[in-house]
Amino acid sequence: MIELLFMACLSSAPDQCHQRSLLYSDVTPMACMLGAQPELARWVEEHPAYTVSNWKCREVGTGEREA
């Protein structure tokens, strides 16, 4: 499983940031890297009060998945 991990900060209060992630079960780490910017642009469109400050793709081990 691949995770696109990013920091979402409120546009009106840039010091208020929260870690967010999108999980993918059918992509490679390289595909995640290549598709991350369009995916994050869609996320920002759906959440206009936020900006994305940084992001990365990583493999998620079974012990790291949230319930």
Protein backbone atom coordinates (compact mmCIF):
# COMPACT_ATOMS: atom_id res chain seq x y z
CA MET A 1 0.00 0.00 0.00
CA ILE A 2 1.29 3.46 -0.95
CA GLU A 3 0.50 6.62 0.98
CA LEU A 4 0.54 10.17 -0.36
CA LEU A 5 1.34 12.05 2.83
CA PHE A 6 0.95 15.85 2.88
CA MET A 7 0.60 18.86 5.16
CA ALA A 8 -2.62 20.85 4.76
CA CYS A 9 -2.56 24.35 6.21
CA LEU A 10 -5.44 26.77 6.58
CA SER A 11 -5.10 29.60 4.08
CA SER A 12 -6.34 32.10 6.65
CA ALA A 13 -4.00 30.78 9.37
CA PRO A 14 -0.88 29.23 7.76
CA ASP A 15 0.47 28.18 11.16
CA GLN A 16 -2.47 25.79 11.62
CA CYS A 17 -1.43 22.71 9.68
CA HIS A 18 -2.56 19.10 9.81
CA GLN A 19 -1.02 15.99 8.35
CA ARG A 20 -3.30 14.29 5.83
CA SER A 21 -2.87 11.27 3.62
CA LEU A 22 -4.40 9.47 0.69
CA LEU A 23 -3.93 5.70 0.47
CA TYR A 24 -3.56 3.70 -2.72
CA SER A 25 -3.49 -0.07 -3.01
CA ASP A 26 -2.89 -0.36 -6.74
CA VAL A 27 -0.02 2.03 -7.56
CA THR A 28 3.75 1.92 -7.36
CA PRO A 29 5.78 4.53 -5.47
CA MET A 30 6.87 6.02 -8.84
CA ALA A 31 3.26 6.26 -10.04
CA CYS A 32 2.41 8.03 -6.78
CA MET A 33 5.22 10.55 -7.33
CA LEU A 34 4.14 11.19 -10.92
CA GLY A 35 0.45 11.56 -10.05
CA ALA A 36 0.78 13.43 -6.76
CA GLN A 37 0.55 17.03 -8.01
CA PRO A 38 -2.70 16.58 -9.97
CA GLU A 39 -4.17 14.59 -7.08
CA LEU A 40 -3.23 17.31 -4.58
CA ALA A 41 -4.65 19.98 -6.90
CA ARG A 42 -7.97 18.10 -6.88
CA TRP A 43 -7.83 17.86 -3.08
CA VAL A 44 -7.27 21.63 -2.78
CA GLU A 45 -10.19 22.25 -5.15
CA GLU A 46 -12.41 20.20 -2.84
CA HIS A 47 -10.97 21.92 0.28
CA PRO A 48 -10.55 25.58 -0.79
CA ALA A 49 -9.79 26.82 2.74
CA TYR A 50 -6.50 24.86 2.69
CA THR A 51 -3.14 24.95 0.97
CA VAL A 52 -0.67 22.09 0.70
CA SER A 53 2.75 22.94 2.10
CA ASN A 54 4.69 19.74 1.33
CA TRP A 55 4.13 16.11 0.37
CA LYS A 56 5.79 12.75 -0.13
CA CYS A 57 4.93 9.24 -1.23
CA ARG A 58 5.88 6.28 0.92
CA GLU A 59 5.14 2.63 1.42
CA VAL A 60 2.91 1.89 4.38
CA GLY A 61 3.64 -1.16 6.47
CA THR A 62 0.82 -3.18 7.98
CA GLY A 63 1.52 -1.73 11.43
CA GLU A 64 1.25 1.86 10.16
CA ARG A 65 -2.28 1.80 8.74
CA GLU A 66 -4.94 3.72 10.59
CA ALA A 67 -8.09 1.90 11.64
